[in-house]
């Protein structure tokens, strides 16, 4: 991989990681201390449930970004077709599964209780959770296919090494 593109990818990964970290550490906990309270009349402050769930979901995004960083370094060193790379792809798949489960739980809850808070662009929280659920499923399927391709390429490389 060209060193310019590697540098550009790493800059993008750092920027994304810092943005996710900011939202995780500063923006979301601010909801708990602010005036926003999400009580649907059942005595439960649902914002206290959703914010930690969102923080965990963002931690999953951080795992994906860190794994991509490691895999990018492996590509640069020519070590991508190894068992170590498969473990990092497995970490991406596991983080995606956890985040997708959280989005599914939020979608299910919001579907059964109905949306209450509208954001500035007019989309309600169910649409956002459902969009995240769809993105998680799509990304997870893509990662499963890519993991299978990586394993097959690793096997073929090992076979070629034996022949040579």
N, C-alpha and C. Protein backbone atom coordinates (compact mmCIF):
# COMPACT_ATOMS: atom_id res chain seq x y z
N UNK A 1 0.85 -1.17 0.00
CA UNK A 1 0.00 0.00 0.00
C UNK A 1 0.90 1.24 0.00
N UNK A 2 0.53 2.20 -0.78
CA UNK A 2 1.27 3.44 -0.89
C UNK A 2 1.35 4.13 0.47
N UNK A 3 2.52 4.68 0.80
CA UNK A 3 2.70 5.31 2.11
C UNK A 3 1.81 6.55 2.28
N UNK A 4 1.51 7.25 1.18
CA UNK A 4 0.63 8.40 1.26
C UNK A 4 -0.77 7.97 1.70
N UNK A 5 -1.27 6.90 1.09
CA UNK A 5 -2.61 6.42 1.44
C UNK A 5 -2.64 5.83 2.85
N UNK A 6 -1.54 5.21 3.24
CA UNK A 6 -1.46 4.70 4.61
C UNK A 6 -1.53 5.85 5.61
N UNK A 7 -0.78 6.90 5.34
CA UNK A 7 -0.80 8.08 6.21
C UNK A 7 -2.19 8.71 6.23
N UNK A 8 -2.81 8.82 5.07
CA UNK A 8 -4.15 9.40 4.98
C UNK A 8 -5.16 8.55 5.76
N UNK A 9 -5.07 7.24 5.64
CA UNK A 9 -5.97 6.35 6.38
C UNK A 9 -5.75 6.47 7.89
N UNK A 10 -4.49 6.57 8.30
CA UNK A 10 -4.21 6.71 9.73
C UNK A 10 -4.72 8.05 10.28
N UNK A 11 -4.58 9.11 9.52
CA UNK A 11 -5.11 10.40 9.94
C UNK A 11 -6.63 10.32 10.09
N UNK A 12 -7.29 9.67 9.14
CA UNK A 12 -8.74 9.48 9.24
C UNK A 12 -9.14 8.66 10.44
N UNK A 13 -8.37 7.60 10.73
CA UNK A 13 -8.67 6.77 11.90
C UNK A 13 -8.49 7.55 13.20
N UNK A 14 -7.44 8.36 13.29
CA UNK A 14 -7.21 9.16 14.49
C UNK A 14 -8.33 10.19 14.66
N UNK A 15 -8.71 10.85 13.56
CA UNK A 15 -9.78 11.84 13.64
C UNK A 15 -11.10 11.19 14.08
N UNK A 16 -11.41 10.05 13.51
CA UNK A 16 -12.64 9.35 13.89
C UNK A 16 -12.59 8.90 15.34
N UNK A 17 -11.45 8.37 15.78
CA UNK A 17 -11.31 7.92 17.16
C UNK A 17 -11.48 9.08 18.13
N UNK A 18 -10.87 10.23 17.83
CA UNK A 18 -10.99 11.38 18.71
C UNK A 18 -12.43 11.91 18.75
N UNK A 19 -13.12 11.88 17.61
CA UNK A 19 -14.51 12.34 17.57
C UNK A 19 -15.40 11.41 18.41
N UNK A 20 -15.20 10.11 18.27
CA UNK A 20 -15.99 9.15 19.04
C UNK A 20 -15.68 9.29 20.53
N UNK A 21 -14.41 9.46 20.86
CA UNK A 21 -14.02 9.63 22.25
C UNK A 21 -14.64 10.88 22.86
N UNK A 22 -14.68 11.98 22.10
CA UNK A 22 -15.30 13.21 22.59
C UNK A 22 -16.78 12.99 22.90
N UNK A 23 -17.48 12.37 21.96
CA UNK A 23 -18.91 12.12 22.18
C UNK A 23 -19.10 11.20 23.38
N UNK A 24 -18.25 10.19 23.49
CA UNK A 24 -18.38 9.21 24.57
C UNK A 24 -18.09 9.81 25.94
N UNK A 25 -17.10 10.68 26.03
CA UNK A 25 -16.65 11.19 27.33
C UNK A 25 -17.31 12.51 27.70
N UNK A 26 -17.61 13.36 26.71
CA UNK A 26 -18.11 14.70 27.02
C UNK A 26 -19.59 14.86 26.70
N UNK A 27 -19.99 14.56 25.47
CA UNK A 27 -21.35 14.88 25.03
C UNK A 27 -22.41 14.01 25.68
N UNK A 28 -22.25 12.70 25.63
CA UNK A 28 -23.29 11.82 26.17
C UNK A 28 -23.46 11.94 27.68
N UNK A 29 -22.38 11.96 28.46
CA UNK A 29 -22.60 12.15 29.91
C UNK A 29 -23.24 13.49 30.24
N UNK A 30 -23.07 14.47 29.37
CA UNK A 30 -23.71 15.76 29.59
C UNK A 30 -25.23 15.67 29.59
N UNK A 31 -25.76 14.68 28.86
CA UNK A 31 -27.21 14.49 28.87
C UNK A 31 -27.72 14.14 30.26
N UNK A 32 -26.93 13.37 31.00
CA UNK A 32 -27.37 12.96 32.33
C UNK A 32 -27.43 14.13 33.30
N UNK A 33 -26.50 15.07 33.15
CA UNK A 33 -26.47 16.20 34.07
C UNK A 33 -27.33 17.36 33.63
N UNK A 34 -27.83 17.31 32.40
CA UNK A 34 -28.62 18.42 31.87
C UNK A 34 -30.08 18.33 32.24
N UNK A 35 -30.86 19.17 31.59
CA UNK A 35 -32.30 19.22 31.85
C UNK A 35 -33.07 18.11 31.14
N UNK A 36 -32.42 17.39 30.23
CA UNK A 36 -33.12 16.37 29.46
C UNK A 36 -33.45 15.18 30.34
N UNK A 37 -34.69 14.90 30.50
CA UNK A 37 -35.14 13.72 31.23
C UNK A 37 -36.15 13.02 30.34
N UNK A 38 -36.05 11.73 30.28
CA UNK A 38 -36.87 10.95 29.37
C UNK A 38 -37.70 9.98 30.18
N UNK A 39 -38.80 10.47 30.71
CA UNK A 39 -39.66 9.66 31.55
C UNK A 39 -40.97 9.46 30.80
N UNK A 40 -41.34 8.22 30.57
CA UNK A 40 -42.55 7.91 29.82
C UNK A 40 -43.74 7.66 30.74
N UNK A 41 -43.65 8.10 31.97
CA UNK A 41 -44.76 7.94 32.88
C UNK A 41 -44.72 6.65 33.69
N UNK A 42 -43.70 5.83 33.45
CA UNK A 42 -43.61 4.57 34.20
C UNK A 42 -42.62 4.67 35.35
N UNK A 43 -42.13 5.86 35.64
CA UNK A 43 -41.22 6.05 36.76
C UNK A 43 -39.76 5.77 36.45
N UNK A 44 -39.46 5.39 35.21
CA UNK A 44 -38.08 5.06 34.83
C UNK A 44 -37.52 6.21 34.01
N UNK A 45 -36.34 6.67 34.38
CA UNK A 45 -35.64 7.68 33.59
C UNK A 45 -34.86 6.93 32.50
N UNK A 46 -35.47 6.79 31.34
CA UNK A 46 -34.88 5.97 30.28
C UNK A 46 -33.58 6.54 29.75
N UNK A 47 -33.37 7.83 29.91
CA UNK A 47 -32.11 8.41 29.44
C UNK A 47 -30.95 7.81 30.22
N UNK A 48 -31.18 7.43 31.47
CA UNK A 48 -30.14 6.80 32.28
C UNK A 48 -29.82 5.40 31.79
N UNK A 49 -30.70 4.82 31.00
CA UNK A 49 -30.45 3.50 30.40
C UNK A 49 -29.80 3.66 29.03
N UNK A 50 -30.30 4.62 28.27
CA UNK A 50 -29.82 4.78 26.89
C UNK A 50 -28.42 5.37 26.82
N UNK A 51 -28.07 6.29 27.68
CA UNK A 51 -26.74 6.91 27.62
C UNK A 51 -25.63 5.89 27.88
N UNK A 52 -25.70 5.07 28.94
CA UNK A 52 -24.65 4.05 29.10
C UNK A 52 -24.62 3.06 27.93
N UNK A 53 -25.79 2.74 27.39
CA UNK A 53 -25.82 1.86 26.21
C UNK A 53 -25.12 2.50 25.02
N UNK A 54 -25.34 3.80 24.85
CA UNK A 54 -24.67 4.51 23.76
C UNK A 54 -23.17 4.59 24.00
N UNK A 55 -22.75 4.76 25.25
CA UNK A 55 -21.32 4.81 25.56
C UNK A 55 -20.68 3.45 25.25
N UNK A 56 -21.36 2.37 25.59
CA UNK A 56 -20.84 1.04 25.26
C UNK A 56 -20.79 0.84 23.74
N UNK A 57 -21.83 1.30 23.05
CA UNK A 57 -21.83 1.21 21.59
C UNK A 57 -20.67 1.98 20.97
N UNK A 58 -20.38 3.15 21.52
CA UNK A 58 -19.25 3.93 21.01
C UNK A 58 -17.91 3.26 21.35
N UNK A 59 -17.85 2.56 22.46
CA UNK A 59 -16.64 1.78 22.78
C UNK A 59 -16.43 0.68 21.74
N UNK A 60 -17.53 0.13 21.25
CA UNK A 60 -17.42 -0.87 20.18
C UNK A 60 -16.85 -0.24 18.91
N UNK A 61 -17.27 0.98 18.61
CA UNK A 61 -16.71 1.69 17.45
C UNK A 61 -15.21 1.92 17.65
N UNK A 62 -14.81 2.24 18.88
CA UNK A 62 -13.39 2.44 19.16
C UNK A 62 -12.60 1.15 18.95
N UNK A 63 -13.18 0.01 19.33
CA UNK A 63 -12.52 -1.28 19.10
C UNK A 63 -12.33 -1.51 17.60
N UNK A 64 -13.35 -1.20 16.82
CA UNK A 64 -13.25 -1.36 15.37
C UNK A 64 -12.15 -0.46 14.80
N UNK A 65 -12.10 0.80 15.25
CA UNK A 65 -11.09 1.72 14.75
C UNK A 65 -9.67 1.28 15.15
N UNK A 66 -9.51 0.82 16.38
CA UNK A 66 -8.20 0.34 16.83
C UNK A 66 -7.78 -0.91 16.05
N UNK A 67 -8.72 -1.79 15.80
CA UNK A 67 -8.41 -2.99 15.02
C UNK A 67 -8.03 -2.63 13.59
N UNK A 68 -8.73 -1.65 13.02
CA UNK A 68 -8.38 -1.19 11.67
C UNK A 68 -6.98 -0.60 11.65
N UNK A 69 -6.59 0.11 12.72
CA UNK A 69 -5.24 0.66 12.82
C UNK A 69 -4.20 -0.45 12.79
N UNK A 70 -4.43 -1.49 13.58
CA UNK A 70 -3.49 -2.62 13.63
C UNK A 70 -3.44 -3.32 12.28
N UNK A 71 -4.58 -3.55 11.66
CA UNK A 71 -4.62 -4.22 10.36
C UNK A 71 -3.92 -3.38 9.29
N UNK A 72 -4.06 -2.08 9.37
CA UNK A 72 -3.38 -1.19 8.43
C UNK A 72 -1.87 -1.32 8.57
N UNK A 73 -1.40 -1.41 9.81
CA UNK A 73 0.03 -1.63 10.03
C UNK A 73 0.50 -2.97 9.51
N UNK A 74 -0.35 -3.98 9.62
CA UNK A 74 -0.01 -5.30 9.10
C UNK A 74 0.06 -5.29 7.58
N UNK A 75 -0.80 -4.53 6.94
CA UNK A 75 -0.76 -4.39 5.49
C UNK A 75 0.55 -3.72 5.08
N UNK A 76 0.93 -2.68 5.79
CA UNK A 76 2.16 -1.95 5.47
C UNK A 76 3.39 -2.84 5.60
N UNK A 77 3.38 -3.75 6.59
CA UNK A 77 4.51 -4.66 6.80
C UNK A 77 4.41 -5.95 5.99
N UNK A 78 3.31 -6.13 5.26
CA UNK A 78 3.13 -7.33 4.46
C UNK A 78 2.78 -8.56 5.28
N UNK A 79 2.15 -8.36 6.45
CA UNK A 79 1.82 -9.46 7.35
C UNK A 79 0.31 -9.74 7.41
N UNK A 80 -0.44 -9.27 6.44
CA UNK A 80 -1.89 -9.38 6.53
C UNK A 80 -2.37 -10.83 6.43
N UNK A 81 -1.70 -11.64 5.65
CA UNK A 81 -2.15 -13.02 5.44
C UNK A 81 -1.58 -13.94 6.51
N UNK A 82 -1.91 -13.66 7.77
CA UNK A 82 -1.48 -14.47 8.90
C UNK A 82 -2.66 -14.71 9.83
N UNK A 83 -2.49 -15.62 10.75
CA UNK A 83 -3.53 -15.89 11.74
C UNK A 83 -3.77 -14.71 12.66
N UNK A 84 -2.74 -13.91 12.89
CA UNK A 84 -2.90 -12.72 13.73
C UNK A 84 -3.91 -11.75 13.15
N UNK A 85 -3.89 -11.60 11.84
CA UNK A 85 -4.84 -10.70 11.18
C UNK A 85 -6.27 -11.21 11.37
N UNK A 86 -6.44 -12.50 11.31
CA UNK A 86 -7.79 -13.07 11.49
C UNK A 86 -8.33 -12.76 12.89
N UNK A 87 -7.47 -12.74 13.88
CA UNK A 87 -7.92 -12.41 15.24
C UNK A 87 -8.41 -10.97 15.33
N UNK A 88 -7.74 -10.05 14.63
CA UNK A 88 -8.18 -8.65 14.65
C UNK A 88 -9.51 -8.49 13.91
N UNK A 89 -9.68 -9.24 12.83
CA UNK A 89 -10.97 -9.20 12.12
C UNK A 89 -12.06 -9.78 13.02
N UNK A 90 -11.73 -10.83 13.78
CA UNK A 90 -12.69 -11.40 14.74
C UNK A 90 -13.08 -10.37 15.80
N UNK A 91 -12.12 -9.54 16.23
CA UNK A 91 -12.43 -8.47 17.19
C UNK A 91 -13.40 -7.47 16.59
N UNK A 92 -13.22 -7.15 15.32
CA UNK A 92 -14.14 -6.23 14.63
C UNK A 92 -15.54 -6.85 14.58
N UNK A 93 -15.61 -8.13 14.26
CA UNK A 93 -16.91 -8.80 14.17
C UNK A 93 -17.59 -8.84 15.55
N UNK A 94 -16.84 -9.14 16.59
CA UNK A 94 -17.43 -9.19 17.94
C UNK A 94 -17.93 -7.82 18.37
N UNK A 95 -17.15 -6.77 18.14
CA UNK A 95 -17.58 -5.41 18.51
C UNK A 95 -18.82 -5.01 17.71
N UNK A 96 -18.86 -5.39 16.45
CA UNK A 96 -20.02 -5.09 15.62
C UNK A 96 -21.25 -5.82 16.14
N UNK A 97 -21.07 -7.06 16.57
CA UNK A 97 -22.20 -7.84 17.10
C UNK A 97 -22.76 -7.19 18.37
N UNK A 98 -21.89 -6.73 19.25
CA UNK A 98 -22.35 -6.10 20.50
C UNK A 98 -23.09 -4.80 20.18
N UNK A 99 -22.52 -3.97 19.30
CA UNK A 99 -23.16 -2.70 18.96
C UNK A 99 -24.49 -2.94 18.25
N UNK A 100 -24.56 -3.95 17.40
CA UNK A 100 -25.80 -4.26 16.70
C UNK A 100 -26.86 -4.77 17.68
N UNK A 101 -26.45 -5.55 18.66
CA UNK A 101 -27.39 -5.99 19.69
C UNK A 101 -27.96 -4.80 20.46
N UNK A 102 -27.10 -3.85 20.81
CA UNK A 102 -27.58 -2.66 21.52
C UNK A 102 -28.57 -1.87 20.66
N UNK A 103 -28.26 -1.74 19.36
CA UNK A 103 -29.19 -1.03 18.46
C UNK A 103 -30.50 -1.79 18.33
N UNK A 104 -30.43 -3.13 18.30
CA UNK A 104 -31.66 -3.92 18.22
C UNK A 104 -32.50 -3.76 19.48
N UNK A 105 -31.85 -3.75 20.64
CA UNK A 105 -32.57 -3.56 21.90
C UNK A 105 -33.23 -2.18 21.94
N UNK A 106 -32.49 -1.16 21.52
CA UNK A 106 -33.06 0.19 21.50
C UNK A 106 -34.21 0.28 20.51
N UNK A 107 -34.04 -0.31 19.34
CA UNK A 107 -35.12 -0.28 18.34
C UNK A 107 -36.36 -0.99 18.86
N UNK A 108 -36.17 -2.14 19.48
CA UNK A 108 -37.30 -2.88 20.02
C UNK A 108 -38.02 -2.10 21.11
N UNK A 109 -37.27 -1.49 21.99
CA UNK A 109 -37.88 -0.70 23.06
C UNK A 109 -38.62 0.51 22.50
N UNK A 110 -37.99 1.21 21.58
CA UNK A 110 -38.63 2.40 21.01
C UNK A 110 -39.83 2.05 20.15
N UNK A 111 -39.78 0.88 19.51
CA UNK A 111 -40.93 0.45 18.71
C UNK A 111 -42.14 0.16 19.60
N UNK A 112 -41.89 -0.42 20.75
CA UNK A 112 -43.00 -0.78 21.64
C UNK A 112 -43.51 0.38 22.48
N UNK A 113 -42.66 1.38 22.73
CA UNK A 113 -43.10 2.49 23.59
C UNK A 113 -43.37 3.77 22.81
N UNK A 114 -42.87 3.88 21.60
CA UNK A 114 -43.11 5.07 20.79
C UNK A 114 -42.12 6.17 21.08
N UNK A 115 -41.78 6.94 20.08
CA UNK A 115 -40.80 8.02 20.24
C UNK A 115 -41.38 9.21 21.00
N UNK A 116 -40.53 9.92 21.71
CA UNK A 116 -40.97 11.09 22.45
C UNK A 116 -40.16 12.34 22.15
N UNK A 117 -38.89 12.20 21.89
CA UNK A 117 -38.02 13.36 21.69
C UNK A 117 -37.66 13.46 20.21
N UNK A 118 -37.83 14.61 19.63
CA UNK A 118 -37.48 14.83 18.22
C UNK A 118 -36.18 15.63 18.15
N UNK A 119 -35.31 15.24 17.20
CA UNK A 119 -34.08 16.03 17.05
C UNK A 119 -34.31 17.12 16.01
N UNK A 120 -33.29 17.90 15.73
CA UNK A 120 -33.45 19.09 14.91
C UNK A 120 -33.76 18.78 13.45
N UNK A 121 -33.41 17.60 12.95
CA UNK A 121 -33.68 17.32 11.54
C UNK A 121 -35.02 16.60 11.35
N UNK A 122 -35.74 16.33 12.42
CA UNK A 122 -37.06 15.76 12.31
C UNK A 122 -37.13 14.24 12.37
N UNK A 123 -36.01 13.57 12.42
CA UNK A 123 -36.04 12.12 12.53
C UNK A 123 -36.16 11.74 13.99
N UNK A 124 -37.03 10.80 14.29
CA UNK A 124 -37.16 10.42 15.69
C UNK A 124 -36.13 9.36 16.06
N UNK A 125 -36.05 9.09 17.36
CA UNK A 125 -35.00 8.19 17.84
C UNK A 125 -35.18 6.76 17.36
N UNK A 126 -36.41 6.35 17.04
CA UNK A 126 -36.60 5.00 16.49
C UNK A 126 -35.94 4.89 15.13
N UNK A 127 -36.10 5.88 14.30
CA UNK A 127 -35.47 5.85 12.97
C UNK A 127 -33.95 5.79 13.09
N UNK A 128 -33.41 6.54 14.03
CA UNK A 128 -31.96 6.53 14.22
C UNK A 128 -31.50 5.16 14.70
N UNK A 129 -32.18 4.60 15.69
CA UNK A 129 -31.81 3.27 16.20
C UNK A 129 -31.98 2.22 15.12
N UNK A 130 -33.04 2.31 14.33
CA UNK A 130 -33.27 1.35 13.26
C UNK A 130 -32.21 1.48 12.17
N UNK A 131 -31.80 2.69 11.87
CA UNK A 131 -30.72 2.91 10.90
C UNK A 131 -29.41 2.31 11.41
N UNK A 132 -29.12 2.50 12.69
CA UNK A 132 -27.91 1.91 13.28
C UNK A 132 -27.99 0.39 13.27
N UNK A 133 -29.16 -0.15 13.50
CA UNK A 133 -29.35 -1.60 13.46
C UNK A 133 -29.07 -2.12 12.05
N UNK A 134 -29.61 -1.48 11.04
CA UNK A 134 -29.38 -1.90 9.66
C UNK A 134 -27.92 -1.77 9.26
N UNK A 135 -27.29 -0.67 9.68
CA UNK A 135 -25.87 -0.49 9.38
C UNK A 135 -25.03 -1.55 10.07
N UNK A 136 -25.37 -1.89 11.30
CA UNK A 136 -24.64 -2.92 12.03
C UNK A 136 -24.76 -4.28 11.38
N UNK A 137 -25.98 -4.62 10.95
CA UNK A 137 -26.18 -5.91 10.28
C UNK A 137 -25.42 -5.96 8.96
N UNK A 138 -25.51 -4.90 8.18
CA UNK A 138 -24.80 -4.86 6.90
C UNK A 138 -23.29 -4.93 7.08
N UNK A 139 -22.77 -4.15 8.02
CA UNK A 139 -21.33 -4.16 8.27
C UNK A 139 -20.88 -5.52 8.81
N UNK A 140 -21.69 -6.13 9.67
CA UNK A 140 -21.36 -7.44 10.21
C UNK A 140 -21.29 -8.51 9.14
N UNK A 141 -22.26 -8.50 8.22
CA UNK A 141 -22.24 -9.46 7.11
C UNK A 141 -21.02 -9.24 6.24
N UNK A 142 -20.70 -7.98 5.94
CA UNK A 142 -19.51 -7.67 5.15
C UNK A 142 -18.25 -8.19 5.83
N UNK A 143 -18.14 -7.99 7.14
CA UNK A 143 -16.96 -8.46 7.87
C UNK A 143 -16.87 -9.99 7.89
N UNK A 144 -18.00 -10.67 7.97
CA UNK A 144 -17.99 -12.13 7.92
C UNK A 144 -17.48 -12.63 6.57
N UNK A 145 -17.93 -12.00 5.51
CA UNK A 145 -17.46 -12.38 4.17
C UNK A 145 -15.96 -12.09 4.03
N UNK A 146 -15.53 -10.93 4.48
CA UNK A 146 -14.12 -10.58 4.38
C UNK A 146 -13.24 -11.48 5.25
N UNK A 147 -13.76 -11.89 6.41
CA UNK A 147 -13.00 -12.82 7.25
C UNK A 147 -12.80 -14.15 6.53
N UNK A 148 -13.86 -14.62 5.88
CA UNK A 148 -13.76 -15.88 5.13
C UNK A 148 -12.75 -15.75 3.99
N UNK A 149 -12.79 -14.63 3.29
CA UNK A 149 -11.83 -14.39 2.20
C UNK A 149 -10.40 -14.33 2.74
N UNK A 150 -10.20 -13.68 3.89
CA UNK A 150 -8.88 -13.59 4.49
C UNK A 150 -8.37 -14.96 4.89
N UNK A 151 -9.23 -15.77 5.49
CA UNK A 151 -8.81 -17.12 5.87
C UNK A 151 -8.44 -17.95 4.65
N UNK A 152 -9.24 -17.84 3.59
CA UNK A 152 -8.94 -18.60 2.36
C UNK A 152 -7.63 -18.13 1.74
N UNK A 153 -7.40 -16.83 1.70
CA UNK A 153 -6.15 -16.30 1.15
C UNK A 153 -4.96 -16.74 1.99
N UNK A 154 -5.14 -16.79 3.31
CA UNK A 154 -4.07 -17.25 4.19
C UNK A 154 -3.76 -18.72 3.92
N UNK A 155 -4.80 -19.53 3.72
CA UNK A 155 -4.60 -20.95 3.39
C UNK A 155 -3.87 -21.11 2.08
N UNK A 156 -4.28 -20.34 1.08
CA UNK A 156 -3.64 -20.42 -0.24
C UNK A 156 -2.18 -19.98 -0.18
N UNK A 157 -1.88 -18.97 0.61
CA UNK A 157 -0.50 -18.52 0.77
C UNK A 157 0.34 -19.63 1.40
N UNK A 158 -0.21 -20.30 2.42
CA UNK A 158 0.52 -21.39 3.07
C UNK A 158 0.76 -22.53 2.08
N UNK A 159 -0.22 -22.85 1.23
CA UNK A 159 -0.06 -23.90 0.23
C UNK A 159 1.01 -23.51 -0.80
N UNK A 160 1.00 -22.25 -1.20
CA UNK A 160 2.00 -21.78 -2.18
C UNK A 160 3.40 -21.82 -1.57
N UNK A 161 3.50 -21.52 -0.28
CA UNK A 161 4.82 -21.56 0.38
C UNK A 161 5.34 -22.98 0.40
N UNK A 162 4.47 -23.96 0.58
CA UNK A 162 4.90 -25.37 0.57
C UNK A 162 5.35 -25.81 -0.80
N UNK A 163 4.67 -25.34 -1.85
CA UNK A 163 5.03 -25.71 -3.21
C UNK A 163 6.38 -25.12 -3.61
N UNK A 164 6.59 -23.89 -3.22
CA UNK A 164 7.84 -23.20 -3.59
C UNK A 164 8.95 -23.71 -2.70
